[in-house]
């Protein structure tokens, strides 16, 4: 039986683990390898790791770090950051990564999706869309850590990526990133209506209640969070955390 997936999202900056607020002001929160080890013990559903430096600095993915992460991980691992072609993707899969996330590259060249899917399988190709609200209504996709507008409509573009062979869409709200004030439910609704492939949502989770609201409305869906799983309490003390099995089961049963 398919179940909702609750996914910690980790950001890598200067080889350290950081958390941002609306894609700005990265705050160091620890060592990514140690974080993976802790999440292993907490038996998380899946882990997503994004290198937020690679594309901005126009460099190759950090294969050494990716290999170390994959060797430590005992859960399905998704990696994104700096991947621009099939050869890079195949090398990363060879290091033990189960899914590769594309963001800036697919906005520049959506046809990379079928090329990679033909080599490694549709289920392993993830499209990440970083989205902001437009001033006068609607949404727009941004790239380069939220610094560059693309003019692309995320609802229309998500449907296009599905047709090209993407196995999953990750929709990330820049406006809600790190705010811990709940997800952009309107954005989620619109994307969910436009695609039939798996959808994961990111940006805004401040509590398990926020996650429950998404599950209640959309059932089997991926819910990712950063701040919720690296901070604890009103003062945001750094503490890796994740719901235990009983908490997660209760959350899912209550909302499905």
Protein backbone atom coordinates (compact mmCIF):
# COMPACT_ATOMS: atom_id res chain seq x y z
CA UNK A 1 0.00 0.00 0.00
CA UNK A 2 1.34 3.41 -0.97
CA UNK A 3 1.73 5.85 1.90
CA UNK A 4 2.61 9.53 2.16
CA UNK A 5 6.38 10.11 2.42
CA UNK A 6 7.79 12.50 5.02
CA UNK A 7 11.17 13.70 3.77
CA UNK A 8 13.89 15.75 5.47
CA UNK A 9 15.43 18.22 3.02
CA UNK A 10 19.09 19.13 3.61
CA UNK A 11 20.91 22.07 2.01
CA UNK A 12 24.67 21.97 1.43
CA UNK A 13 26.60 25.25 1.34
CA UNK A 14 30.41 25.47 1.63
CA UNK A 15 30.33 21.71 2.37
CA UNK A 16 28.26 22.32 5.51
CA UNK A 17 24.62 21.79 6.32
CA UNK A 18 22.65 25.05 6.31
CA UNK A 19 19.09 26.33 6.49
CA UNK A 20 17.78 29.35 4.64
CA UNK A 21 14.83 31.70 4.96
CA UNK A 22 13.22 32.52 1.61
CA UNK A 23 16.42 31.22 -0.01
CA UNK A 24 18.53 33.84 1.82
CA UNK A 25 20.83 34.07 4.86
CA UNK A 26 22.08 30.47 5.06
CA UNK A 27 22.57 29.50 8.70
CA UNK A 28 25.09 26.75 9.49
CA UNK A 29 23.42 23.91 11.36
CA UNK A 30 25.97 21.11 11.26
CA UNK A 31 27.83 18.48 9.31
CA UNK A 32 25.81 16.75 6.55
CA UNK A 33 27.40 13.35 7.11
CA UNK A 34 26.51 13.43 10.80
CA UNK A 35 22.96 14.49 9.90
CA UNK A 36 22.60 11.49 7.58
CA UNK A 37 23.80 9.17 10.35
CA UNK A 38 21.21 10.57 12.76
CA UNK A 39 18.41 10.30 10.21
CA UNK A 40 19.44 6.66 9.63
CA UNK A 41 18.66 5.95 13.28
CA UNK A 42 15.30 7.67 12.96
CA UNK A 43 14.31 5.47 10.00
CA UNK A 44 13.15 8.30 7.74
CA UNK A 45 11.15 7.52 4.61
CA UNK A 46 13.56 9.22 2.24
CA UNK A 47 16.21 11.93 2.35
CA UNK A 48 16.76 14.81 -0.10
CA UNK A 49 20.10 16.62 -0.31
CA UNK A 50 20.59 19.77 -2.39
CA UNK A 51 23.96 21.41 -3.06
CA UNK A 52 22.96 25.08 -3.40
CA UNK A 53 26.46 26.18 -4.48
CA UNK A 54 27.12 24.01 -7.53
CA UNK A 55 24.97 25.75 -10.14
CA UNK A 56 25.66 29.27 -8.85
CA UNK A 57 29.42 28.62 -8.96
CA UNK A 58 29.16 26.80 -12.30
CA UNK A 59 30.97 23.75 -11.04
CA UNK A 60 30.53 20.00 -11.23
CA UNK A 61 28.67 18.19 -8.47
CA UNK A 62 30.91 17.31 -5.52
CA UNK A 63 31.23 13.61 -6.30
CA UNK A 64 33.38 12.91 -3.25
CA UNK A 65 30.73 14.32 -0.90
CA UNK A 66 27.93 12.56 -2.81
CA UNK A 67 29.74 9.22 -2.45
CA UNK A 68 30.25 9.77 1.27
CA UNK A 69 26.57 10.64 1.72
CA UNK A 70 25.45 7.59 -0.26
CA UNK A 71 27.79 5.27 1.65
CA UNK A 72 26.37 6.45 4.97
CA UNK A 73 22.70 6.50 3.98
CA UNK A 74 20.46 3.54 4.81
CA UNK A 75 17.40 5.18 3.24
CA UNK A 76 16.48 6.21 -0.33
CA UNK A 77 18.55 9.27 -1.17
CA UNK A 78 17.76 12.04 -3.66
CA UNK A 79 20.56 14.40 -4.72
CA UNK A 80 20.30 17.71 -6.58
CA UNK A 81 22.79 20.43 -7.47
CA UNK A 82 24.88 21.14 -10.54
CA UNK A 83 23.69 18.19 -12.63
CA UNK A 84 23.45 19.31 -16.25
CA UNK A 85 23.86 16.24 -18.46
CA UNK A 86 23.39 12.50 -18.78
CA UNK A 87 27.04 11.68 -18.07
CA UNK A 88 26.97 13.48 -14.71
CA UNK A 89 23.70 11.80 -13.82
CA UNK A 90 25.02 8.33 -14.60
CA UNK A 91 28.16 8.96 -12.55
CA UNK A 92 26.05 10.02 -9.57
CA UNK A 93 23.79 6.96 -9.87
CA UNK A 94 26.93 4.86 -9.91
CA UNK A 95 27.83 6.28 -6.50
CA UNK A 96 24.63 4.85 -4.98
CA UNK A 97 22.09 7.67 -5.31
CA UNK A 98 18.51 6.50 -6.04
CA UNK A 99 17.08 9.76 -7.42
CA UNK A 100 18.56 12.82 -9.11
CA UNK A 101 16.86 16.20 -8.92
CA UNK A 102 17.11 18.71 -11.76
CA UNK A 103 16.19 22.37 -11.36
CA UNK A 104 18.03 25.09 -13.29
CA UNK A 105 19.11 22.63 -15.99
CA UNK A 106 15.55 21.67 -16.94
CA UNK A 107 14.45 25.29 -17.19
CA UNK A 108 17.27 25.91 -19.65
CA UNK A 109 16.83 22.58 -21.47
CA UNK A 110 13.74 20.49 -20.57
CA UNK A 111 14.83 17.80 -23.04
CA UNK A 112 17.45 16.60 -20.58
CA UNK A 113 14.57 14.82 -18.84
CA UNK A 114 13.89 12.16 -21.53
CA UNK A 115 17.62 11.71 -22.16
CA UNK A 116 18.29 10.82 -18.51
CA UNK A 117 15.04 8.86 -18.11
CA UNK A 118 15.98 6.65 -21.08
CA UNK A 119 19.24 5.72 -19.34
CA UNK A 120 18.22 5.34 -15.70
CA UNK A 121 14.42 5.06 -15.65
CA UNK A 122 11.66 7.61 -15.23
CA UNK A 123 11.21 6.91 -11.52
CA UNK A 124 14.70 8.22 -10.78
CA UNK A 125 14.33 11.59 -12.52
CA UNK A 126 13.02 14.34 -10.25
CA UNK A 127 12.10 17.85 -11.40
CA UNK A 128 12.40 20.57 -8.74
CA UNK A 129 10.53 23.80 -9.37
CA UNK A 130 11.39 26.74 -7.10
CA UNK A 131 8.37 29.03 -7.20
CA UNK A 132 7.47 32.57 -6.15
CA UNK A 133 4.14 34.36 -6.18
CA UNK A 134 3.87 37.09 -8.79
CA UNK A 135 2.98 40.60 -7.63
CA UNK A 136 -0.31 40.69 -9.51
CA UNK A 137 -1.34 37.04 -9.11
CA UNK A 138 -0.12 33.69 -10.32
CA UNK A 139 3.25 32.02 -9.86
CA UNK A 140 6.62 31.98 -11.59
CA UNK A 141 9.59 29.59 -11.55
CA UNK A 142 12.94 30.99 -10.39
CA UNK A 143 16.42 29.48 -10.75
CA UNK A 144 19.91 30.13 -9.34
CA UNK A 145 18.76 29.96 -5.71
CA UNK A 146 15.75 32.14 -6.35
CA UNK A 147 17.73 34.97 -7.92
CA UNK A 148 16.70 34.66 -11.58
CA UNK A 149 13.15 34.74 -12.90
CA UNK A 150 12.44 32.40 -15.81
CA UNK A 151 9.03 33.61 -16.97
CA UNK A 152 7.83 30.00 -16.72
CA UNK A 153 4.43 29.14 -15.24
CA UNK A 154 4.97 26.24 -12.79
CA UNK A 155 1.55 24.69 -13.38
CA UNK A 156 2.02 24.52 -17.14
CA UNK A 157 5.70 23.58 -16.90
CA UNK A 158 5.05 20.72 -14.46
CA UNK A 159 2.59 19.20 -16.93
CA UNK A 160 5.16 19.56 -19.72
CA UNK A 161 7.85 17.85 -17.62
CA UNK A 162 5.51 14.93 -16.93
CA UNK A 163 5.01 14.44 -20.67
CA UNK A 164 8.78 14.55 -21.19
CA UNK A 165 9.29 11.71 -18.71
CA UNK A 166 9.87 13.19 -15.26
CA UNK A 167 9.05 10.65 -12.58
CA UNK A 168 8.24 13.14 -9.83
CA UNK A 169 7.73 16.86 -9.35
CA UNK A 170 9.03 18.70 -6.28
CA UNK A 171 7.35 22.07 -5.83
CA UNK A 172 9.29 24.39 -3.52
CA UNK A 173 7.75 27.65 -2.34
CA UNK A 174 10.44 30.34 -2.06
CA UNK A 175 8.00 32.63 -0.24
CA UNK A 176 7.39 30.00 2.46
CA UNK A 177 10.95 28.65 2.71
CA UNK A 178 12.12 28.66 6.34
CA UNK A 179 9.10 30.68 7.51
CA UNK A 180 7.54 27.66 9.28
CA UNK A 181 4.06 29.16 8.78
CA UNK A 182 2.47 26.38 6.74
CA UNK A 183 2.51 25.33 3.10
CA UNK A 184 1.14 27.27 0.14
CA UNK A 185 -1.96 25.10 -0.21
CA UNK A 186 -3.22 27.00 -3.26
CA UNK A 187 0.00 26.29 -5.13
CA UNK A 188 -0.10 22.62 -4.13
CA UNK A 189 -3.71 22.31 -5.31
CA UNK A 190 -2.91 23.80 -8.71
CA UNK A 191 0.13 21.59 -9.30
CA UNK A 192 -1.68 18.46 -8.12
CA UNK A 193 -4.48 19.15 -10.60
CA UNK A 194 -2.03 19.55 -13.47
CA UNK A 195 -0.05 16.29 -13.09
CA UNK A 196 -0.66 12.63 -12.35
CA UNK A 197 2.89 11.61 -11.36
CA UNK A 198 4.10 11.69 -7.73
CA UNK A 199 4.29 15.14 -6.17
CA UNK A 200 6.44 16.29 -3.26
CA UNK A 201 5.89 19.68 -1.63
CA UNK A 202 8.49 21.76 0.19
CA UNK A 203 8.55 25.12 1.93
CA UNK A 204 6.70 26.18 5.06
CA UNK A 205 6.33 23.20 7.41
CA UNK A 206 6.37 24.45 10.99
CA UNK A 207 4.74 21.47 12.71
CA UNK A 208 3.33 18.01 12.11
CA UNK A 209 -0.07 19.71 11.92
CA UNK A 210 1.06 21.47 8.74
CA UNK A 211 2.11 18.13 7.28
CA UNK A 212 -1.21 16.59 8.34
CA UNK A 213 -3.16 19.27 6.46
CA UNK A 214 -1.42 18.36 3.21
CA UNK A 215 -1.99 14.63 3.74
CA UNK A 216 -5.63 15.22 4.64
CA UNK A 217 -6.27 17.03 1.38
CA UNK A 218 -4.02 15.13 -1.02
CA UNK A 219 -3.54 11.67 0.48
CA UNK A 220 -0.52 9.87 -0.94
CA UNK A 221 1.96 12.70 -1.43
CA UNK A 222 5.53 13.55 -0.48
CA UNK A 223 5.93 16.20 2.20
CA UNK A 224 9.45 17.57 2.60
CA UNK A 225 10.74 19.93 5.27
CA UNK A 226 14.01 21.51 6.30
CA UNK A 227 13.61 23.75 9.35
CA UNK A 228 11.12 21.41 11.01
CA UNK A 229 13.67 18.60 11.12
CA UNK A 230 16.80 20.57 12.06
CA UNK A 231 15.39 23.04 14.60
CA UNK A 232 13.54 22.51 17.86
CA UNK A 233 11.49 24.89 19.97
CA UNK A 234 10.59 28.56 19.69
CA UNK A 235 14.25 29.63 19.82
CA UNK A 236 15.15 27.27 16.96
CA UNK A 237 17.89 25.38 18.74
CA UNK A 238 19.68 23.10 16.29
CA UNK A 239 18.48 19.55 16.89
CA UNK A 240 18.03 16.86 14.25
CA UNK A 241 14.57 15.38 14.76
CA UNK A 242 11.90 13.36 12.97
CA UNK A 243 8.57 11.82 14.05
CA UNK A 244 8.90 8.31 15.45
CA UNK A 245 6.99 5.41 13.93
CA UNK A 246 3.96 5.79 16.22
CA UNK A 247 3.73 9.55 15.61
CA UNK A 248 4.02 9.09 11.87
CA UNK A 249 1.46 6.26 11.75
CA UNK A 250 -0.98 8.29 13.84
CA UNK A 251 -0.51 11.33 11.58
CA UNK A 252 -1.18 9.32 8.44
CA UNK A 253 -4.13 7.32 9.81
CA UNK A 254 -5.77 10.47 11.13
CA UNK A 255 -5.60 12.25 7.79
CA UNK A 256 -6.26 9.51 5.21
